[in-house]
Amino acid sequence: MSSAPEHFAAVEADWRPEPVEATEFVTAAPVRALAGLFDQPVPALGVGDPLPPLWHWLYVLDRPAQADLGEDGHPRDGGLFLPPLPDRRRMFGGGRLEFRAPIRIGDLLTRRSEVARVRVRHGGSGWLLLVTVRHEYVVHGEIRTVEEQDLVYRQTGGAPAPEPVGEAVPAAPAEAPGGPWSFTLRPDPTLLFRFSALTYNAHRIHYDRDYVRDVEGYPDLVVHGPLLALSLLELPRRWAPERAVTAFAFRSRAPLFAPRDIEVTGVPEGDRVVLSAGLPGAAPGMTASATFR
């Protein structure tokens, strides 16, 4: 195999942005909005009530100015750890989280972020830049949640299908479609638009059909990776609300598209549950595992 292109190699060798920190109060409105998006009862919203695991994604969001956005809806330059790679396309690869203590309504939440790893890989869609970002979510000096996100960058012209990245996450077992925990996610354009608005995600692959087909080469609107991950953790939240989730690892394996129904399933295995999301009868687009206390 030939060596990586010069700009990929330069980013891998030299790009190490400084850590950043941001702070925001945890309020009740985003919790109410996400519960409504999932057609679920609203969790308790009093000061001191805990967020469900992963719902911290509704807070400390990046909010760039409109003039700073590129053609794809992501910031053109700068932003939070966007690599200096020309004509980049971004995909959500996966992640790992440790939930040490609840984040609660009313908390002053600080997110400390840094680039943990930068790797170059060659796969079926060409050269890829894999960036792992580490976040620590802190309240009153105590780390409540530790998170690593794997982000995948490719250049225009390659095949759009993402390569599996990140640390190993078990594939869903064969019995998962008939598992005891399941629900159907119906990602129509309205749901995708509402989730984009709730998470301040301007990436056009989630709401602009002409762009996603003509520019990025996908067949239809792409379901958000974070929406799939949150859907997976809906299973223990609904079927085992008395059990605290202490760790979660997930991996994107193939993009899923609107408006086809997605089966979200889970198979409990003692102190953990193996999770998957995908089209009925097909290989999952995302797999995960959640560990209980």
C-alpha atoms as a PDB file:
ATOM      1  CA  MET A   1       0.000   0.000   0.000  1.00  0.00           C
ATOM      2  CA  SER A   2       1.256   3.484  -0.828  1.00  0.00           C
ATOM      3  CA  SER A   3       1.961   5.883   2.014  1.00  0.00           C
ATOM      4  CA  ALA A   4      -0.718   8.290   3.167  1.00  0.00           C
ATOM      5  CA  PRO A   5      -1.142  11.532   1.188  1.00  0.00           C
ATOM      6  CA  GLU A   6       1.014  14.372   2.444  1.00  0.00           C
ATOM      7  CA  HIS A   7      -1.833  16.372   4.032  1.00  0.00           C
ATOM      8  CA  PHE A   8      -3.141  13.308   5.908  1.00  0.00           C
ATOM      9  CA  ALA A   9       0.348  12.498   7.184  1.00  0.00           C
ATOM     10  CA  ALA A  10       0.939  16.116   8.225  1.00  0.00           C
ATOM     11  CA  VAL A  11      -2.255  16.224  10.269  1.00  0.00           C
ATOM     12  CA  GLU A  12      -1.432  12.917  11.952  1.00  0.00           C
ATOM     13  CA  ALA A  13       2.092  14.059  12.817  1.00  0.00           C
ATOM     14  CA  ASP A  14       1.646  17.703  13.759  1.00  0.00           C
ATOM     15  CA  TRP A  15      -1.977  18.599  14.542  1.00  0.00           C
ATOM     16  CA  ARG A  16      -2.412  18.845  18.300  1.00  0.00           C
ATOM     17  CA  PRO A  17      -4.863  21.619  19.196  1.00  0.00           C
ATOM     18  CA  GLU A  18      -4.950  23.033  22.696  1.00  0.00           C
ATOM     19  CA  PRO A  19      -7.546  21.675  25.147  1.00  0.00           C
ATOM     20  CA  VAL A  20     -10.698  23.750  25.547  1.00  0.00           C
ATOM     21  CA  GLU A  21     -13.214  24.249  28.326  1.00  0.00           C
ATOM     22  CA  ALA A  22     -16.839  25.414  28.280  1.00  0.00           C
ATOM     23  CA  THR A  23     -19.503  25.794  30.966  1.00  0.00           C
ATOM     24  CA  GLU A  24     -23.317  25.837  30.949  1.00  0.00           C
ATOM     25  CA  PHE A  25     -26.184  25.431  33.416  1.00  0.00           C
ATOM     26  CA  VAL A  26     -28.220  22.211  33.067  1.00  0.00           C
ATOM     27  CA  THR A  27     -31.812  23.326  32.534  1.00  0.00           C
ATOM     28  CA  ALA A  28     -35.077  21.412  32.188  1.00  0.00           C
ATOM     29  CA  ALA A  29     -36.225  22.490  28.705  1.00  0.00           C
ATOM     30  CA  PRO A  30     -33.889  20.247  26.625  1.00  0.00           C
ATOM     31  CA  VAL A  31     -34.898  17.206  28.703  1.00  0.00           C
ATOM     32  CA  ARG A  32     -38.560  17.914  28.037  1.00  0.00           C
ATOM     33  CA  ALA A  33     -37.816  18.300  24.323  1.00  0.00           C
ATOM     34  CA  LEU A  34     -35.900  15.022  23.962  1.00  0.00           C
ATOM     35  CA  ALA A  35     -38.535  13.079  25.906  1.00  0.00           C
ATOM     36  CA  GLY A  36     -41.142  14.424  23.510  1.00  0.00           C
ATOM     37  CA  LEU A  37     -39.031  13.433  20.522  1.00  0.00           C
ATOM     38  CA  PHE A  38     -39.026   9.837  21.821  1.00  0.00           C
ATOM     39  CA  ASP A  39     -42.782  10.002  22.662  1.00  0.00           C
ATOM     40  CA  GLN A  40     -41.961   9.203  26.274  1.00  0.00           C
ATOM     41  CA  PRO A  41     -43.079  10.671  29.607  1.00  0.00           C
ATOM     42  CA  VAL A  42     -40.942  13.584  30.698  1.00  0.00           C
ATOM     43  CA  PRO A  43     -38.433  12.626  33.426  1.00  0.00           C
ATOM     44  CA  ALA A  44     -38.536  14.507  36.702  1.00  0.00           C
ATOM     45  CA  LEU A  45     -37.430  18.085  36.078  1.00  0.00           C
ATOM     46  CA  GLY A  46     -36.897  19.555  39.549  1.00  0.00           C
ATOM     47  CA  VAL A  47     -33.574  21.026  40.602  1.00  0.00           C
ATOM     48  CA  GLY A  48     -31.372  18.105  41.659  1.00  0.00           C
ATOM     49  CA  ASP A  49     -33.131  15.481  39.518  1.00  0.00           C
ATOM     50  CA  PRO A  50     -30.653  13.366  37.483  1.00  0.00           C
ATOM     51  CA  LEU A  51     -30.343  13.318  33.707  1.00  0.00           C
ATOM     52  CA  PRO A  52     -30.708   9.932  32.022  1.00  0.00           C
ATOM     53  CA  PRO A  53     -27.307   8.612  30.869  1.00  0.00           C
ATOM     54  CA  LEU A  54     -26.073  10.297  27.672  1.00  0.00           C
ATOM     55  CA  TRP A  55     -28.580  13.147  27.863  1.00  0.00           C
ATOM     56  CA  HIS A  56     -25.688  15.460  28.706  1.00  0.00           C
ATOM     57  CA  TRP A  57     -25.338  15.682  24.901  1.00  0.00           C
ATOM     58  CA  LEU A  58     -28.066  18.326  25.073  1.00  0.00           C
ATOM     59  CA  TYR A  59     -25.750  20.753  26.876  1.00  0.00           C
ATOM     60  CA  VAL A  60     -22.499  22.674  26.315  1.00  0.00           C
ATOM     61  CA  LEU A  61     -23.169  22.627  22.575  1.00  0.00           C
ATOM     62  CA  ASP A  62     -20.964  24.263  19.959  1.00  0.00           C
ATOM     63  CA  ARG A  63     -22.823  27.217  18.423  1.00  0.00           C
ATOM     64  CA  PRO A  64     -20.749  28.741  15.596  1.00  0.00           C
ATOM     65  CA  ALA A  65     -21.792  31.897  13.783  1.00  0.00           C
ATOM     66  CA  GLN A  66     -23.688  31.436  10.525  1.00  0.00           C
ATOM     67  CA  ALA A  67     -20.883  33.129   8.583  1.00  0.00           C
ATOM     68  CA  ASP A  68     -18.425  30.497   9.854  1.00  0.00           C
ATOM     69  CA  LEU A  69     -20.269  27.504   8.356  1.00  0.00           C
ATOM     70  CA  GLY A  70     -19.072  25.678   5.258  1.00  0.00           C
ATOM     71  CA  GLU A  71     -21.080  24.128   2.446  1.00  0.00           C
ATOM     72  CA  ASP A  72     -21.855  21.013   4.469  1.00  0.00           C
ATOM     73  CA  GLY A  73     -23.145  22.916   7.501  1.00  0.00           C
ATOM     74  CA  HIS A  74     -20.085  22.258   9.659  1.00  0.00           C
ATOM     75  CA  PRO A  75     -17.736  25.115  10.576  1.00  0.00           C
ATOM     76  CA  ARG A  76     -15.521  25.944   7.612  1.00  0.00           C
ATOM     77  CA  ASP A  77     -12.389  26.453   9.701  1.00  0.00           C
ATOM     78  CA  GLY A  78     -11.565  26.148  13.358  1.00  0.00           C
ATOM     79  CA  GLY A  79     -14.490  24.945  15.403  1.00  0.00           C
ATOM     80  CA  LEU A  80     -14.037  22.346  18.106  1.00  0.00           C
ATOM     81  CA  PHE A  81     -11.110  20.182  16.955  1.00  0.00           C
ATOM     82  CA  LEU A  82     -11.840  20.214  13.214  1.00  0.00           C
ATOM     83  CA  PRO A  83      -8.651  18.971  11.518  1.00  0.00           C
ATOM     84  CA  PRO A  84      -6.966  21.147   8.848  1.00  0.00           C
ATOM     85  CA  LEU A  85      -7.884  18.699   6.076  1.00  0.00           C
ATOM     86  CA  PRO A  86      -9.067  20.177   2.749  1.00  0.00           C
ATOM     87  CA  ASP A  87     -12.517  19.204   1.436  1.00  0.00           C
ATOM     88  CA  ARG A  88     -13.245  17.059   4.466  1.00  0.00           C
ATOM     89  CA  ARG A  89     -16.403  15.049   5.106  1.00  0.00           C
ATOM     90  CA  ARG A  90     -17.212  14.126   8.708  1.00  0.00           C
ATOM     91  CA  MET A  91     -18.827  10.955  10.087  1.00  0.00           C
ATOM     92  CA  PHE A  92     -19.642   9.814  13.616  1.00  0.00           C
ATOM     93  CA  GLY A  93     -17.702   6.608  14.285  1.00  0.00           C
ATOM     94  CA  GLY A  94     -18.486   5.592  17.861  1.00  0.00           C
ATOM     95  CA  GLY A  95     -17.477   6.186  21.420  1.00  0.00           C
ATOM     96  CA  ARG A  96     -17.009   5.017  24.998  1.00  0.00           C
ATOM     97  CA  LEU A  97     -18.439   6.549  28.160  1.00  0.00           C
ATOM     98  CA  GLU A  98     -18.055   6.079  31.888  1.00  0.00           C
ATOM     99  CA  PHE A  99     -20.885   7.441  34.034  1.00  0.00           C
ATOM    100  CA  ARG A 100     -19.333   8.024  37.456  1.00  0.00           C
ATOM    101  CA  ALA A 101     -22.102  10.089  39.058  1.00  0.00           C
ATOM    102  CA  PRO A 102     -25.311  11.684  37.779  1.00  0.00           C
ATOM    103  CA  ILE A 103     -25.429  15.085  36.129  1.00  0.00           C
ATOM    104  CA  ARG A 104     -28.448  16.892  37.571  1.00  0.00           C
ATOM    105  CA  ILE A 105     -30.886  19.642  36.690  1.00  0.00           C
ATOM    106  CA  GLY A 106     -29.486  22.896  38.057  1.00  0.00           C
ATOM    107  CA  ASP A 107     -25.823  21.845  37.886  1.00  0.00           C
ATOM    108  CA  LEU A 108     -23.225  24.219  36.498  1.00  0.00           C
ATOM    109  CA  LEU A 109     -21.667  21.771  34.044  1.00  0.00           C
ATOM    110  CA  THR A 110     -18.124  22.205  32.732  1.00  0.00           C
ATOM    111  CA  ARG A 111     -16.868  20.254  29.721  1.00  0.00           C
ATOM    112  CA  ARG A 112     -13.097  19.851  29.413  1.00  0.00           C
ATOM    113  CA  SER A 113     -12.119  18.611  25.949  1.00  0.00           C
ATOM    114  CA  GLU A 114      -8.913  17.547  24.234  1.00  0.00           C
ATOM    115  CA  VAL A 115      -7.763  15.541  21.225  1.00  0.00           C
ATOM    116  CA  ALA A 116      -6.669  12.154  22.555  1.00  0.00           C
ATOM    117  CA  ARG A 117      -5.552  10.390  19.343  1.00  0.00           C
ATOM    118  CA  VAL A 118      -5.117  11.072  15.632  1.00  0.00           C
ATOM    119  CA  ARG A 119      -4.660   8.157  13.221  1.00  0.00           C
ATOM    120  CA  VAL A 120      -4.635   7.686   9.454  1.00  0.00           C
ATOM    121  CA  ARG A 121      -6.176   4.566   7.954  1.00  0.00           C
ATOM    122  CA  HIS A 122      -6.846   3.302   4.442  1.00  0.00           C
ATOM    123  CA  GLY A 123     -10.044   1.394   3.736  1.00  0.00           C
ATOM    124  CA  GLY A 124     -12.749   0.798   1.175  1.00  0.00           C
ATOM    125  CA  SER A 125     -13.689   4.473   1.086  1.00  0.00           C
ATOM    126  CA  GLY A 126     -10.077   5.630   0.642  1.00  0.00           C
ATOM    127  CA  TRP A 127      -7.866   7.459   3.116  1.00  0.00           C
ATOM    128  CA  LEU A 128      -9.488   8.260   6.452  1.00  0.00           C
ATOM    129  CA  LEU A 129      -8.428  10.442   9.351  1.00  0.00           C
ATOM    130  CA  LEU A 130      -9.635   9.079  12.687  1.00  0.00           C
ATOM    131  CA  VAL A 131      -9.790  11.633  15.508  1.00  0.00           C
ATOM    132  CA  THR A 132     -10.608  10.599  19.073  1.00  0.00           C
ATOM    133  CA  VAL A 133     -11.776  13.453  21.293  1.00  0.00           C
ATOM    134  CA  ARG A 134     -11.900  13.046  25.075  1.00  0.00           C
ATOM    135  CA  HIS A 135     -14.383  14.991  27.193  1.00  0.00           C
ATOM    136  CA  GLU A 136     -14.640  15.242  30.958  1.00  0.00           C
ATOM    137  CA  TYR A 137     -17.917  16.612  32.348  1.00  0.00           C
ATOM    138  CA  VAL A 138     -17.300  18.226  35.725  1.00  0.00           C
ATOM    139  CA  VAL A 139     -19.592  19.589  38.443  1.00  0.00           C
ATOM    140  CA  HIS A 140     -18.141  21.290  41.553  1.00  0.00           C
ATOM    141  CA  GLY A 141     -14.704  19.901  40.690  1.00  0.00           C
ATOM    142  CA  GLU A 142     -16.000  16.296  40.488  1.00  0.00           C
ATOM    143  CA  ILE A 143     -15.793  14.387  37.195  1.00  0.00           C
ATOM    144  CA  ARG A 144     -19.298  13.031  36.596  1.00  0.00           C
ATOM    145  CA  THR A 145     -18.899  11.604  33.066  1.00  0.00           C
ATOM    146  CA  VAL A 146     -15.853  10.676  30.977  1.00  0.00           C
ATOM    147  CA  GLU A 147     -16.358  10.298  27.233  1.00  0.00           C
ATOM    148  CA  GLU A 148     -14.284   9.460  24.163  1.00  0.00           C
ATOM    149  CA  GLN A 149     -15.768  10.098  20.721  1.00  0.00           C
ATOM    150  CA  ASP A 150     -14.335   8.640  17.514  1.00  0.00           C
ATOM    151  CA  LEU A 151     -14.826  10.967  14.532  1.00  0.00           C
ATOM    152  CA  VAL A 152     -14.024   9.938  10.967  1.00  0.00           C
ATOM    153  CA  TYR A 153     -12.920  12.392   8.269  1.00  0.00           C
ATOM    154  CA  ARG A 154     -12.577  11.601   4.586  1.00  0.00           C
ATOM    155  CA  GLN A 155     -12.080  13.758   1.531  1.00  0.00           C
ATOM    156  CA  THR A 156     -14.620  14.318  -1.211  1.00  0.00           C
ATOM    157  CA  GLY A 157     -14.702  11.814  -4.048  1.00  0.00           C
ATOM    158  CA  GLY A 158     -14.522   8.621  -1.985  1.00  0.00           C
ATOM    159  CA  ALA A 159     -17.318   6.193  -1.264  1.00  0.00           C
ATOM    160  CA  PRO A 160     -19.584   7.584   1.474  1.00  0.00           C
ATOM    161  CA  ALA A 161     -19.970   4.421   3.563  1.00  0.00           C
ATOM    162  CA  PRO A 162     -18.027   4.762   6.834  1.00  0.00           C
ATOM    163  CA  GLU A 163     -15.406   2.330   7.968  1.00  0.00           C
ATOM    164  CA  PRO A 164     -15.875   0.714  11.402  1.00  0.00           C
ATOM    165  CA  VAL A 165     -13.606   2.538  13.824  1.00  0.00           C
ATOM    166  CA  GLY A 166     -12.865   2.716  17.507  1.00  0.00           C
ATOM    167  CA  GLU A 167     -12.318   0.065  20.107  1.00  0.00           C
ATOM    168  CA  ALA A 168     -14.050  -3.272  19.795  1.00  0.00           C
ATOM    169  CA  VAL A 169     -17.777  -3.274  20.555  1.00  0.00           C
ATOM    170  CA  PRO A 170     -19.593  -6.605  20.310  1.00  0.00           C
ATOM    171  CA  ALA A 171     -21.780  -7.204  17.311  1.00  0.00           C
ATOM    172  CA  ALA A 172     -25.394  -7.880  18.109  1.00  0.00           C
ATOM    173  CA  PRO A 173     -25.981 -11.601  18.703  1.00  0.00           C
ATOM    174  CA  ALA A 174     -28.113 -13.522  16.261  1.00  0.00           C
ATOM    175  CA  GLU A 175     -31.069 -13.532  18.663  1.00  0.00           C
ATOM    176  CA  ALA A 176     -31.106  -9.737  19.052  1.00  0.00           C
ATOM    177  CA  PRO A 177     -34.039  -9.087  16.642  1.00  0.00           C
ATOM    178  CA  GLY A 178     -36.161 -11.270  18.904  1.00  0.00           C
ATOM    179  CA  GLY A 179     -34.618  -9.966  22.113  1.00  0.00           C
ATOM    180  CA  PRO A 180     -36.797  -9.145  25.113  1.00  0.00           C
ATOM    181  CA  TRP A 181     -36.153  -5.381  24.848  1.00  0.00           C
ATOM    182  CA  SER A 182     -37.100  -3.600  21.630  1.00  0.00           C
ATOM    183  CA  PHE A 183     -38.888  -0.658  20.080  1.00  0.00           C
ATOM    184  CA  THR A 184     -39.187   0.842  16.609  1.00  0.00           C
ATOM    185  CA  LEU A 185     -37.619   4.200  15.771  1.00  0.00           C
ATOM    186  CA  ARG A 186     -39.332   5.954  12.852  1.00  0.00           C
ATOM    187  CA  PRO A 187     -36.804   8.514  11.562  1.00  0.00           C
ATOM    188  CA  ASP A 188     -38.964  10.617   9.275  1.00  0.00           C
ATOM    189  CA  PRO A 189     -37.643  14.010   8.123  1.00  0.00           C
ATOM    190  CA  THR A 190     -39.541  15.817  10.892  1.00  0.00           C
ATOM    191  CA  LEU A 191     -37.869  13.765  13.627  1.00  0.00           C
ATOM    192  CA  LEU A 192     -34.413  14.278  12.087  1.00  0.00           C
ATOM    193  CA  PHE A 193     -35.029  18.013  11.771  1.00  0.00           C
ATOM    194  CA  ARG A 194     -36.154  18.275  15.403  1.00  0.00           C
ATOM    195  CA  PHE A 195     -33.094  16.365  16.630  1.00  0.00           C
ATOM    196  CA  SER A 196     -30.799  18.581  14.544  1.00  0.00           C
ATOM    197  CA  ALA A 197     -32.414  21.643  16.093  1.00  0.00           C
ATOM    198  CA  LEU A 198     -32.240  20.236  19.635  1.00  0.00           C
ATOM    199  CA  THR A 199     -28.508  19.470  19.332  1.00  0.00           C
ATOM    200  CA  TYR A 200     -27.667  22.538  17.189  1.00  0.00           C
ATOM    201  CA  ASN A 201     -26.391  20.269  14.400  1.00  0.00           C
ATOM    202  CA  ALA A 202     -26.381  22.055  11.039  1.00  0.00           C
ATOM    203  CA  HIS A 203     -24.903  19.148   9.038  1.00  0.00           C
ATOM    204  CA  ARG A 204     -26.980  19.094   5.831  1.00  0.00           C
ATOM    205  CA  ILE A 205     -26.939  15.296   5.463  1.00  0.00           C
ATOM    206  CA  HIS A 206     -29.727  15.166   8.067  1.00  0.00           C
ATOM    207  CA  TYR A 207     -32.248  17.565   6.461  1.00  0.00           C
ATOM    208  CA  ASP A 208     -31.312  18.489   2.865  1.00  0.00           C
ATOM    209  CA  ARG A 209     -32.205  15.668   0.456  1.00  0.00           C
ATOM    210  CA  ASP A 210     -30.798  17.381  -2.636  1.00  0.00           C
ATOM    211  CA  TYR A 211     -27.476  17.992  -0.914  1.00  0.00           C
ATOM    212  CA  VAL A 212     -27.180  14.528   0.589  1.00  0.00           C
ATOM    213  CA  ARG A 213     -27.874  12.818  -2.753  1.00  0.00           C
ATOM    214  CA  ASP A 214     -26.106  15.146  -5.188  1.00  0.00           C
ATOM    215  CA  VAL A 215     -23.057  16.146  -3.121  1.00  0.00           C
ATOM    216  CA  GLU A 216     -22.372  13.443  -0.527  1.00  0.00           C
ATOM    217  CA  GLY A 217     -23.694  10.507  -2.565  1.00  0.00           C
ATOM    218  CA  TYR A 218     -26.080   8.985  -0.006  1.00  0.00           C
ATOM    219  CA  PRO A 219     -29.472   7.619  -1.122  1.00  0.00           C
ATOM    220  CA  ASP A 220     -31.495   9.634   1.411  1.00  0.00           C
ATOM    221  CA  LEU A 221     -31.310  11.616   4.641  1.00  0.00           C
ATOM    222  CA  VAL A 222     -28.818  10.126   7.110  1.00  0.00           C
ATOM    223  CA  VAL A 223     -29.981   9.274  10.629  1.00  0.00           C
ATOM    224  CA  HIS A 224     -27.751  10.978  13.215  1.00  0.00           C
ATOM    225  CA  GLY A 225     -25.253   8.735  14.970  1.00  0.00           C
ATOM    226  CA  PRO A 226     -25.994  10.446  18.324  1.00  0.00           C
ATOM    227  CA  LEU A 227     -29.726   9.844  17.810  1.00  0.00           C
ATOM    228  CA  LEU A 228     -29.050   6.127  17.313  1.00  0.00           C
ATOM    229  CA  ALA A 229     -26.824   6.003  20.406  1.00  0.00           C
ATOM    230  CA  LEU A 230     -29.473   7.740  22.517  1.00  0.00           C
ATOM    231  CA  SER A 231     -32.075   5.330  21.128  1.00  0.00           C
ATOM    232  CA  LEU A 232     -29.975   2.360  22.243  1.00  0.00           C
ATOM    233  CA  LEU A 233     -29.870   3.681  25.805  1.00  0.00           C
ATOM    234  CA  GLU A 234     -33.645   4.095  25.728  1.00  0.00           C
ATOM    235  CA  LEU A 235     -33.823   0.303  26.161  1.00  0.00           C
ATOM    236  CA  PRO A 236     -32.343   0.055  29.677  1.00  0.00           C
ATOM    237  CA  ARG A 237     -34.082   3.327  30.587  1.00  0.00           C
ATOM    238  CA  ARG A 238     -37.471   1.828  29.698  1.00  0.00           C
ATOM    239  CA  TRP A 239     -37.005  -1.843  30.635  1.00  0.00           C
ATOM    240  CA  ALA A 240     -34.659  -1.606  33.630  1.00  0.00           C
ATOM    241  CA  PRO A 241     -35.130   1.898  35.115  1.00  0.00           C
ATOM    242  CA  GLU A 242     -34.024   0.708  38.542  1.00  0.00           C
ATOM    243  CA  ARG A 243     -30.571  -0.316  37.277  1.00  0.00           C
ATOM    244  CA  ALA A 244     -27.876   2.365  36.932  1.00  0.00           C
ATOM    245  CA  VAL A 245     -25.858   2.325  33.688  1.00  0.00           C
ATOM    246  CA  THR A 246     -22.191   2.912  34.530  1.00  0.00           C
ATOM    247  CA  ALA A 247     -20.554   2.405  31.116  1.00  0.00           C
ATOM    248  CA  PHE A 248     -21.581   2.514  27.472  1.00  0.00           C
ATOM    249  CA  ALA A 249     -19.611   1.699  24.319  1.00  0.00           C
ATOM    250  CA  PHE A 250     -21.015   2.022  20.797  1.00  0.00           C
ATOM    251  CA  ARG A 251     -19.800   1.692  17.237  1.00  0.00           C
ATOM    252  CA  SER A 252     -21.236   2.840  13.899  1.00  0.00           C
ATOM    253  CA  ARG A 253     -21.030   0.044  11.351  1.00  0.00           C
ATOM    254  CA  ALA A 254     -23.081   1.402   8.415  1.00  0.00           C
ATOM    255  CA  PRO A 255     -25.212   4.482   7.813  1.00  0.00           C
ATOM    256  CA  LEU A 256     -28.986   4.246   8.255  1.00  0.00           C
ATOM    257  CA  PHE A 257     -31.360   6.363   6.199  1.00  0.00           C
ATOM    258  CA  ALA A 258     -34.769   8.002   6.546  1.00  0.00           C
ATOM    259  CA  PRO A 259     -37.590   7.208   6.351  1.00  0.00           C
ATOM    260  CA  ARG A 260     -37.229   3.437   6.886  1.00  0.00           C
ATOM    261  CA  ASP A 261     -38.149   2.069  10.320  1.00  0.00           C
ATOM    262  CA  ILE A 262     -35.223   1.104  12.563  1.00  0.00           C
ATOM    263  CA  GLU A 263     -35.508  -1.740  15.043  1.00  0.00           C
ATOM    264  CA  VAL A 264     -33.740  -0.948  18.325  1.00  0.00           C
ATOM    265  CA  THR A 265     -33.097  -4.137  20.297  1.00  0.00           C
ATOM    266  CA  GLY A 266     -31.328  -5.308  23.429  1.00  0.00           C
ATOM    267  CA  VAL A 267     -30.370  -8.661  24.931  1.00  0.00           C
ATOM    268  CA  PRO A 268     -29.600  -8.599  28.692  1.00  0.00           C
ATOM    269  CA  GLU A 269     -26.599 -10.667  29.756  1.00  0.00           C
ATOM    270  CA  GLY A 270     -26.215 -10.421  33.527  1.00  0.00           C
ATOM    271  CA  ASP A 271     -24.597  -7.087  34.391  1.00  0.00           C
ATOM    272  CA  ARG A 272     -24.733  -5.754  30.856  1.00  0.00           C
ATOM    273  CA  VAL A 273     -26.992  -5.578  27.825  1.00  0.00           C
ATOM    274  CA  VAL A 274     -25.928  -6.011  24.188  1.00  0.00           C
ATOM    275  CA  LEU A 275     -27.655  -3.466  21.951  1.00  0.00           C
ATOM    276  CA  SER A 276     -28.181  -2.906  18.246  1.00  0.00           C
ATOM    277  CA  ALA A 277     -30.054  -0.654  15.839  1.00  0.00           C
ATOM    278  CA  GLY A 278     -30.759  -1.478  12.207  1.00  0.00           C
ATOM    279  CA  LEU A 279     -33.270  -2.395   9.556  1.00  0.00           C
ATOM    280  CA  PRO A 280     -35.340  -5.512  10.289  1.00  0.00           C
ATOM    281  CA  GLY A 281     -33.561  -8.609   9.028  1.00  0.00           C
ATOM    282  CA  ALA A 282     -30.392  -6.727   8.059  1.00  0.00           C
ATOM    283  CA  ALA A 283     -26.982  -6.240   9.659  1.00  0.00           C
ATOM    284  CA  PRO A 284     -27.108  -3.508  12.321  1.00  0.00           C
ATOM    285  CA  GLY A 285     -26.018   0.034  11.574  1.00  0.00           C
ATOM    286  CA  MET A 286     -24.901   0.542  15.156  1.00  0.00           C
ATOM    287  CA  THR A 287     -23.965  -1.900  17.928  1.00  0.00           C
ATOM    288  CA  ALA A 288     -23.277  -1.187  21.569  1.00  0.00           C
ATOM    289  CA  SER A 289     -23.030  -2.563  25.071  1.00  0.00           C
ATOM    290  CA  ALA A 290     -24.163  -1.000  28.338  1.00  0.00           C
ATOM    291  CA  THR A 291     -22.870  -2.073  31.740  1.00  0.00           C
ATOM    292  CA  PHE A 292     -24.895  -1.873  34.954  1.00  0.00           C
ATOM    293  CA  ARG A 293     -23.645  -1.117  38.422  1.00  0.00           C
END
